[in-house]
């Protein structure tokens, strides 16, 4: 797995393709109050006007346009074995 394809920079390049004449900028950076997941809103400009995309940080360090799955309670035999 290549890190460049899953970094925030790589995700912005893939989805917004910023250039010198059409740059991208961070509009907002915060955490979800519900899940605690980090997300970043990136704004870019294209011939059709402004566009904004929200990128979510996943537990494995990747940035994606879809939010991470909520953690659910689970049991495993490894935890119970002593």
PDB file of N, CA and C in Angstrom:
ATOM      1  N   UNK A   1       0.838  -1.167   0.000  1.00  0.00           N
ATOM      2  CA  UNK A   1       0.000   0.000   0.000  1.00  0.00           C
ATOM      3  C   UNK A   1       0.893   1.242   0.000  1.00  0.00           C
ATOM      4  N   UNK A   2       0.644   2.162  -0.885  1.00  0.00           N
ATOM      5  CA  UNK A   2       1.446   3.369  -0.954  1.00  0.00           C
ATOM      6  C   UNK A   2       0.804   4.465  -0.122  1.00  0.00           C
ATOM      7  N   UNK A   3       1.609   5.110   0.716  1.00  0.00           N
ATOM      8  CA  UNK A   3       1.108   6.134   1.615  1.00  0.00           C
ATOM      9  C   UNK A   3       0.611   7.361   0.864  1.00  0.00           C
ATOM     10  N   UNK A   4       1.227   7.722  -0.237  1.00  0.00           N
ATOM     11  CA  UNK A   4       0.836   8.918  -0.977  1.00  0.00           C
ATOM     12  C   UNK A   4      -0.613   8.856  -1.436  1.00  0.00           C
ATOM     13  N   UNK A   5      -1.111   7.660  -1.703  1.00  0.00           N
ATOM     14  CA  UNK A   5      -2.492   7.524  -2.167  1.00  0.00           C
ATOM     15  C   UNK A   5      -3.494   7.656  -1.023  1.00  0.00           C
ATOM     16  N   UNK A   6      -3.037   7.571   0.220  1.00  0.00           N
ATOM     17  CA  UNK A   6      -3.945   7.624   1.346  1.00  0.00           C
ATOM     18  C   UNK A   6      -3.657   8.803   2.275  1.00  0.00           C
ATOM     19  N   UNK A   7      -2.728   9.674   1.903  1.00  0.00           N
ATOM     20  CA  UNK A   7      -2.458  10.864   2.698  1.00  0.00           C
ATOM     21  C   UNK A   7      -3.494  11.928   2.351  1.00  0.00           C
ATOM     22  N   UNK A   8      -3.603  12.940   3.182  1.00  0.00           N
ATOM     23  CA  UNK A   8      -4.537  14.025   2.891  1.00  0.00           C
ATOM     24  C   UNK A   8      -4.141  14.739   1.601  1.00  0.00           C
ATOM     25  N   UNK A   9      -2.872  14.960   1.423  1.00  0.00           N
ATOM     26  CA  UNK A   9      -2.385  15.610   0.199  1.00  0.00           C
ATOM     27  C   UNK A   9      -2.760  14.794  -1.033  1.00  0.00           C
ATOM     28  N   UNK A  10      -2.559  13.493  -0.960  1.00  0.00           N
ATOM     29  CA  UNK A  10      -2.904  12.620  -2.084  1.00  0.00           C
ATOM     30  C   UNK A  10      -4.397  12.609  -2.370  1.00  0.00           C
ATOM     31  N   UNK A  11      -5.207  12.614  -1.299  1.00  0.00           N
ATOM     32  CA  UNK A  11      -6.657  12.620  -1.485  1.00  0.00           C
ATOM     33  C   UNK A  11      -7.127  13.933  -2.111  1.00  0.00           C
ATOM     34  N   UNK A  12      -6.547  15.049  -1.672  1.00  0.00           N
ATOM     35  CA  UNK A  12      -6.903  16.352  -2.254  1.00  0.00           C
ATOM     36  C   UNK A  12      -6.492  16.400  -3.717  1.00  0.00           C
ATOM     37  N   UNK A  13      -5.305  15.915  -4.029  1.00  0.00           N
ATOM     38  CA  UNK A  13      -4.860  15.880  -5.432  1.00  0.00           C
ATOM     39  C   UNK A  13      -5.803  15.033  -6.286  1.00  0.00           C
ATOM     40  N   UNK A  14      -6.238  13.915  -5.749  1.00  0.00           N
ATOM     41  CA  UNK A  14      -7.110  13.011  -6.501  1.00  0.00           C
ATOM     42  C   UNK A  14      -8.484  13.627  -6.757  1.00  0.00           C
ATOM     43  N   UNK A  15      -9.100  14.200  -5.726  1.00  0.00           N
ATOM     44  CA  UNK A  15     -10.471  14.676  -5.829  1.00  0.00           C
ATOM     45  C   UNK A  15     -10.599  16.095  -6.366  1.00  0.00           C
ATOM     46  N   UNK A  16      -9.657  16.984  -6.039  1.00  0.00           N
ATOM     47  CA  UNK A  16      -9.790  18.386  -6.440  1.00  0.00           C
ATOM     48  C   UNK A  16      -8.805  18.825  -7.520  1.00  0.00           C
ATOM     49  N   UNK A  17      -7.714  18.103  -7.675  1.00  0.00           N
ATOM     50  CA  UNK A  17      -6.676  18.424  -8.664  1.00  0.00           C
ATOM     51  C   UNK A  17      -6.333  19.911  -8.665  1.00  0.00           C
ATOM     52  N   UNK A  18      -5.849  20.426  -7.514  1.00  0.00           N
ATOM     53  CA  UNK A  18      -5.538  21.858  -7.451  1.00  0.00           C
ATOM     54  C   UNK A  18      -4.366  22.233  -8.356  1.00  0.00           C
ATOM     55  N   UNK A  19      -4.413  23.456  -8.858  1.00  0.00           N
ATOM     56  CA  UNK A  19      -3.338  24.003  -9.675  1.00  0.00           C
ATOM     57  C   UNK A  19      -3.004  25.387  -9.142  1.00  0.00           C
ATOM     58  N   UNK A  20      -2.021  26.027  -9.751  1.00  0.00           N
ATOM     59  CA  UNK A  20      -1.647  27.376  -9.328  1.00  0.00           C
ATOM     60  C   UNK A  20      -2.806  28.348  -9.548  1.00  0.00           C
ATOM     61  N   UNK A  21      -3.520  28.182 -10.639  1.00  0.00           N
ATOM     62  CA  UNK A  21      -4.649  29.082 -10.934  1.00  0.00           C
ATOM     63  C   UNK A  21      -5.933  28.677 -10.215  1.00  0.00           C
ATOM     64  N   UNK A  22      -6.050  27.423  -9.815  1.00  0.00           N
ATOM     65  CA  UNK A  22      -7.206  26.920  -9.079  1.00  0.00           C
ATOM     66  C   UNK A  22      -6.718  26.199  -7.818  1.00  0.00           C
ATOM     67  N   UNK A  23      -6.268  26.933  -6.804  1.00  0.00           N
ATOM     68  CA  UNK A  23      -5.714  26.295  -5.605  1.00  0.00           C
ATOM     69  C   UNK A  23      -6.794  25.714  -4.693  1.00  0.00           C
ATOM     70  N   UNK A  24      -6.360  24.902  -3.762  1.00  0.00           N
ATOM     71  CA  UNK A  24      -7.236  24.351  -2.726  1.00  0.00           C
ATOM     72  C   UNK A  24      -6.767  24.903  -1.388  1.00  0.00           C
ATOM     73  N   UNK A  25      -7.718  25.046  -0.453  1.00  0.00           N
ATOM     74  CA  UNK A  25      -7.360  25.542   0.881  1.00  0.00           C
ATOM     75  C   UNK A  25      -8.169  24.831   1.935  1.00  0.00           C
ATOM     76  N   UNK A  26      -7.616  24.763   3.142  1.00  0.00           N
ATOM     77  CA  UNK A  26      -8.323  24.162   4.271  1.00  0.00           C
ATOM     78  C   UNK A  26      -9.336  25.183   4.778  1.00  0.00           C
ATOM     79  N   UNK A  27     -10.607  24.823   4.747  1.00  0.00           N
ATOM     80  CA  UNK A  27     -11.659  25.717   5.215  1.00  0.00           C
ATOM     81  C   UNK A  27     -12.011  25.451   6.678  1.00  0.00           C
ATOM     82  N   UNK A  28     -11.905  24.178   7.097  1.00  0.00           N
ATOM     83  CA  UNK A  28     -12.262  23.805   8.460  1.00  0.00           C
ATOM     84  C   UNK A  28     -11.555  22.520   8.830  1.00  0.00           C
ATOM     85  N   UNK A  29     -11.143  22.413  10.083  1.00  0.00           N
ATOM     86  CA  UNK A  29     -10.476  21.214  10.589  1.00  0.00           C
ATOM     87  C   UNK A  29     -10.974  20.980  12.004  1.00  0.00           C
ATOM     88  N   UNK A  30     -11.658  19.890  12.252  1.00  0.00           N
ATOM     89  CA  UNK A  30     -12.124  19.595  13.605  1.00  0.00           C
ATOM     90  C   UNK A  30     -12.385  18.113  13.818  1.00  0.00           C
ATOM     91  N   UNK A  31     -12.988  17.817  14.971  1.00  0.00           N
ATOM     92  CA  UNK A  31     -13.335  16.445  15.333  1.00  0.00           C
ATOM     93  C   UNK A  31     -14.850  16.323  15.438  1.00  0.00           C
ATOM     94  N   UNK A  32     -15.341  15.152  15.116  1.00  0.00           N
ATOM     95  CA  UNK A  32     -16.763  14.861  15.265  1.00  0.00           C
ATOM     96  C   UNK A  32     -17.074  14.731  16.748  1.00  0.00           C
ATOM     97  N   UNK A  33     -18.156  15.340  17.182  1.00  0.00           N
ATOM     98  CA  UNK A  33     -18.553  15.233  18.594  1.00  0.00           C
ATOM     99  C   UNK A  33     -19.088  13.841  18.918  1.00  0.00           C
ATOM    100  N   UNK A  34     -19.606  13.162  17.920  1.00  0.00           N
ATOM    101  CA  UNK A  34     -20.207  11.846  18.140  1.00  0.00           C
ATOM    102  C   UNK A  34     -19.142  10.744  18.180  1.00  0.00           C
ATOM    103  N   UNK A  35     -18.300  10.667  17.142  1.00  0.00           N
ATOM    104  CA  UNK A  35     -17.326   9.574  17.042  1.00  0.00           C
ATOM    105  C   UNK A  35     -15.912   9.974  17.442  1.00  0.00           C
ATOM    106  N   UNK A  36     -15.622  11.257  17.484  1.00  0.00           N
ATOM    107  CA  UNK A  36     -14.271  11.718  17.780  1.00  0.00           C
ATOM    108  C   UNK A  36     -13.344  11.670  16.578  1.00  0.00           C
ATOM    109  N   UNK A  37     -13.882  11.293  15.418  1.00  0.00           N
ATOM    110  CA  UNK A  37     -13.067  11.195  14.202  1.00  0.00           C
ATOM    111  C   UNK A  37     -12.699  12.593  13.705  1.00  0.00           C
ATOM    112  N   UNK A  38     -11.485  12.734  13.193  1.00  0.00           N
ATOM    113  CA  UNK A  38     -11.045  14.008  12.620  1.00  0.00           C
ATOM    114  C   UNK A  38     -11.570  14.138  11.204  1.00  0.00           C
ATOM    115  N   UNK A  39     -11.882  15.368  10.841  1.00  0.00           N
ATOM    116  CA  UNK A  39     -12.247  15.627   9.461  1.00  0.00           C
ATOM    117  C   UNK A  39     -11.778  17.014   9.050  1.00  0.00           C
ATOM    118  N   UNK A  40     -11.586  17.175   7.755  1.00  0.00           N
ATOM    119  CA  UNK A  40     -11.093  18.419   7.184  1.00  0.00           C
ATOM    120  C   UNK A  40     -11.973  18.777   5.997  1.00  0.00           C
ATOM    121  N   UNK A  41     -12.401  20.027   5.942  1.00  0.00           N
ATOM    122  CA  UNK A  41     -13.149  20.519   4.794  1.00  0.00           C
ATOM    123  C   UNK A  41     -12.170  21.301   3.914  1.00  0.00           C
ATOM    124  N   UNK A  42     -12.013  20.854   2.685  1.00  0.00           N
ATOM    125  CA  UNK A  42     -11.096  21.492   1.735  1.00  0.00           C
ATOM    126  C   UNK A  42     -11.925  22.169   0.643  1.00  0.00           C
ATOM    127  N   UNK A  43     -11.618  23.422   0.375  1.00  0.00           N
ATOM    128  CA  UNK A  43     -12.295  24.152  -0.691  1.00  0.00           C
ATOM    129  C   UNK A  43     -11.371  24.291  -1.886  1.00  0.00           C
ATOM    130  N   UNK A  44     -11.942  24.123  -3.043  1.00  0.00           N
ATOM    131  CA  UNK A  44     -11.184  24.288  -4.278  1.00  0.00           C
ATOM    132  C   UNK A  44     -11.999  25.094  -5.268  1.00  0.00           C
ATOM    133  N   UNK A  45     -11.358  25.495  -6.339  1.00  0.00           N
ATOM    134  CA  UNK A  45     -12.006  26.298  -7.370  1.00  0.00           C
ATOM    135  C   UNK A  45     -11.844  25.628  -8.720  1.00  0.00           C
ATOM    136  N   UNK A  46     -12.914  25.600  -9.467  1.00  0.00           N
ATOM    137  CA  UNK A  46     -12.896  25.059 -10.817  1.00  0.00           C
ATOM    138  C   UNK A  46     -13.635  26.037 -11.719  1.00  0.00           C
ATOM    139  N   UNK A  47     -13.640  25.775 -12.985  1.00  0.00           N
ATOM    140  CA  UNK A  47     -14.293  26.673 -13.927  1.00  0.00           C
ATOM    141  C   UNK A  47     -15.772  26.874 -13.596  1.00  0.00           C
ATOM    142  N   UNK A  48     -16.402  25.869 -13.029  1.00  0.00           N
ATOM    143  CA  UNK A  48     -17.814  25.961 -12.667  1.00  0.00           C
ATOM    144  C   UNK A  48     -18.058  26.703 -11.367  1.00  0.00           C
ATOM    145  N   UNK A  49     -17.029  27.034 -10.623  1.00  0.00           N
ATOM    146  CA  UNK A  49     -17.174  27.741  -9.348  1.00  0.00           C
ATOM    147  C   UNK A  49     -16.483  27.008  -8.216  1.00  0.00           C
ATOM    148  N   UNK A  50     -16.894  27.340  -6.997  1.00  0.00           N
ATOM    149  CA  UNK A  50     -16.276  26.762  -5.798  1.00  0.00           C
ATOM    150  C   UNK A  50     -16.821  25.369  -5.527  1.00  0.00           C
ATOM    151  N   UNK A  51     -15.983  24.535  -4.928  1.00  0.00           N
ATOM    152  CA  UNK A  51     -16.369  23.182  -4.535  1.00  0.00           C
ATOM    153  C   UNK A  51     -15.718  22.899  -3.186  1.00  0.00           C
ATOM    154  N   UNK A  52     -16.430  22.193  -2.322  1.00  0.00           N
ATOM    155  CA  UNK A  52     -15.899  21.817  -1.012  1.00  0.00           C
ATOM    156  C   UNK A  52     -16.103  20.317  -0.814  1.00  0.00           C
ATOM    157  N   UNK A  53     -15.068  19.660  -0.311  1.00  0.00           N
ATOM    158  CA  UNK A  53     -15.135  18.223  -0.028  1.00  0.00           C
ATOM    159  C   UNK A  53     -14.632  18.007   1.394  1.00  0.00           C
ATOM    160  N   UNK A  54     -15.321  17.145   2.124  1.00  0.00           N
ATOM    161  CA  UNK A  54     -14.909  16.804   3.488  1.00  0.00           C
ATOM    162  C   UNK A  54     -14.156  15.475   3.449  1.00  0.00           C
ATOM    163  N   UNK A  55     -12.958  15.466   4.037  1.00  0.00           N
ATOM    164  CA  UNK A  55     -12.131  14.262   4.123  1.00  0.00           C
ATOM    165  C   UNK A  55     -12.098  13.807   5.582  1.00  0.00           C
ATOM    166  N   UNK A  56     -12.258  12.509   5.797  1.00  0.00           N
ATOM    167  CA  UNK A  56     -12.284  11.927   7.135  1.00  0.00           C
ATOM    168  C   UNK A  56     -11.027  11.104   7.360  1.00  0.00           C
ATOM    169  N   UNK A  57     -10.433  11.228   8.552  1.00  0.00           N
ATOM    170  CA  UNK A  57      -9.258  10.435   8.907  1.00  0.00           C
ATOM    171  C   UNK A  57      -9.718   9.130   9.546  1.00  0.00           C
ATOM    172  N   UNK A  58      -9.195   8.025   9.036  1.00  0.00           N
ATOM    173  CA  UNK A  58      -9.544   6.702   9.549  1.00  0.00           C
ATOM    174  C   UNK A  58      -8.486   6.237  10.544  1.00  0.00           C
ATOM    175  N   UNK A  59      -8.807   5.200  11.308  1.00  0.00           N
ATOM    176  CA  UNK A  59      -7.905   4.690  12.347  1.00  0.00           C
ATOM    177  C   UNK A  59      -6.560   4.227  11.803  1.00  0.00           C
ATOM    178  N   UNK A  60      -6.522   3.811  10.538  1.00  0.00           N
ATOM    179  CA  UNK A  60      -5.263   3.349   9.949  1.00  0.00           C
ATOM    180  C   UNK A  60      -4.421   4.505   9.390  1.00  0.00           C
ATOM    181  N   UNK A  61      -4.874   5.752   9.598  1.00  0.00           N
ATOM    182  CA  UNK A  61      -4.108   6.914   9.165  1.00  0.00           C
ATOM    183  C   UNK A  61      -4.449   7.423   7.779  1.00  0.00           C
ATOM    184  N   UNK A  62      -5.353   6.761   7.081  1.00  0.00           N
ATOM    185  CA  UNK A  62      -5.720   7.195   5.737  1.00  0.00           C
ATOM    186  C   UNK A  62      -6.806   8.270   5.801  1.00  0.00           C
ATOM    187  N   UNK A  63      -6.900   9.056   4.731  1.00  0.00           N
ATOM    188  CA  UNK A  63      -7.935  10.082   4.588  1.00  0.00           C
ATOM    189  C   UNK A  63      -8.839   9.682   3.437  1.00  0.00           C
ATOM    190  N   UNK A  64     -10.142   9.681   3.681  1.00  0.00           N
ATOM    191  CA  UNK A  64     -11.109   9.274   2.674  1.00  0.00           C
ATOM    192  C   UNK A  64     -12.307  10.221   2.673  1.00  0.00           C
ATOM    193  N   UNK A  65     -13.107  10.167   1.622  1.00  0.00           N
ATOM    194  CA  UNK A  65     -14.287  11.022   1.523  1.00  0.00           C
ATOM    195  C   UNK A  65     -15.487  10.408   2.247  1.00  0.00           C
ATOM    196  N   UNK A  66     -15.348   9.198   2.760  1.00  0.00           N
ATOM    197  CA  UNK A  66     -16.425   8.578   3.533  1.00  0.00           C
ATOM    198  C   UNK A  66     -15.979   8.471   4.988  1.00  0.00           C
ATOM    199  N   UNK A  67     -16.909   8.627   5.939  1.00  0.00           N
ATOM    200  CA  UNK A  67     -16.529   8.578   7.362  1.00  0.00           C
ATOM    201  C   UNK A  67     -16.173   7.166   7.800  1.00  0.00           C
ATOM    202  N   UNK A  68     -15.349   7.059   8.842  1.00  0.00           N
ATOM    203  CA  UNK A  68     -15.007   5.726   9.359  1.00  0.00           C
ATOM    204  C   UNK A  68     -16.229   5.089  10.017  1.00  0.00           C
ATOM    205  N   UNK A  69     -16.222   3.767  10.055  1.00  0.00           N
ATOM    206  CA  UNK A  69     -17.307   3.039  10.707  1.00  0.00           C
ATOM    207  C   UNK A  69     -17.261   3.300  12.210  1.00  0.00           C
ATOM    208  N   UNK A  70     -18.420   3.402  12.814  1.00  0.00           N
ATOM    209  CA  UNK A  70     -18.489   3.587  14.263  1.00  0.00           C
ATOM    210  C   UNK A  70     -18.003   2.320  14.958  1.00  0.00           C
ATOM    211  N   UNK A  71     -17.287   2.499  16.047  1.00  0.00           N
ATOM    212  CA  UNK A  71     -16.839   1.336  16.810  1.00  0.00           C
ATOM    213  C   UNK A  71     -18.011   0.740  17.554  1.00  0.00           C
ATOM    214  N   UNK A  72     -18.094  -0.577  17.498  1.00  0.00           N
ATOM    215  CA  UNK A  72     -19.181  -1.286  18.150  1.00  0.00           C
ATOM    216  C   UNK A  72     -18.607  -2.206  19.214  1.00  0.00           C
ATOM    217  N   UNK A  73     -19.385  -2.466  20.249  1.00  0.00           N
ATOM    218  CA  UNK A  73     -18.913  -3.413  21.258  1.00  0.00           C
ATOM    219  C   UNK A  73     -18.674  -4.783  20.624  1.00  0.00           C
ATOM    220  N   UNK A  74     -17.630  -5.445  21.055  1.00  0.00           N
ATOM    221  CA  UNK A  74     -17.336  -6.776  20.522  1.00  0.00           C
ATOM    222  C   UNK A  74     -16.706  -7.638  21.596  1.00  0.00           C
ATOM    223  N   UNK A  75     -16.791  -8.915  21.388  1.00  0.00           N
ATOM    224  CA  UNK A  75     -16.158  -9.874  22.296  1.00  0.00           C
ATOM    225  C   UNK A  75     -15.221 -10.751  21.479  1.00  0.00           C
ATOM    226  N   UNK A  76     -14.170 -11.186  22.116  1.00  0.00           N
ATOM    227  CA  UNK A  76     -13.274 -12.129  21.457  1.00  0.00           C
ATOM    228  C   UNK A  76     -12.765 -13.133  22.490  1.00  0.00           C
ATOM    229  N   UNK A  77     -12.465 -14.308  22.020  1.00  0.00           N
ATOM    230  CA  UNK A  77     -11.971 -15.350  22.924  1.00  0.00           C
ATOM    231  C   UNK A  77     -10.593 -15.007  23.462  1.00  0.00           C
ATOM    232  N   UNK A  78      -9.795 -14.264  22.699  1.00  0.00           N
ATOM    233  CA  UNK A  78      -8.453 -13.905  23.131  1.00  0.00           C
ATOM    234  C   UNK A  78      -8.476 -13.052  24.402  1.00  0.00           C
ATOM    235  N   UNK A  79      -9.462 -12.182  24.515  1.00  0.00           N
ATOM    236  CA  UNK A  79      -9.567 -11.350  25.708  1.00  0.00           C
ATOM    237  C   UNK A  79      -9.940 -12.164  26.941  1.00  0.00           C
ATOM    238  N   UNK A  80     -10.725 -13.209  26.730  1.00  0.00           N
ATOM    239  CA  UNK A  80     -11.221 -14.001  27.853  1.00  0.00           C
ATOM    240  C   UNK A  80     -10.231 -15.050  28.318  1.00  0.00           C
ATOM    241  N   UNK A  81      -9.365 -15.508  27.435  1.00  0.00           N
ATOM    242  CA  UNK A  81      -8.389 -16.542  27.797  1.00  0.00           C
ATOM    243  C   UNK A  81      -7.276 -15.935  28.653  1.00  0.00           C
ATOM    244  N   UNK A  82      -6.954 -16.597  29.720  1.00  0.00           N
ATOM    245  CA  UNK A  82      -5.901 -16.047  30.584  1.00  0.00           C
ATOM    246  C   UNK A  82      -4.810 -17.039  30.824  1.00  0.00           C
TER     247      UNK A  82
END
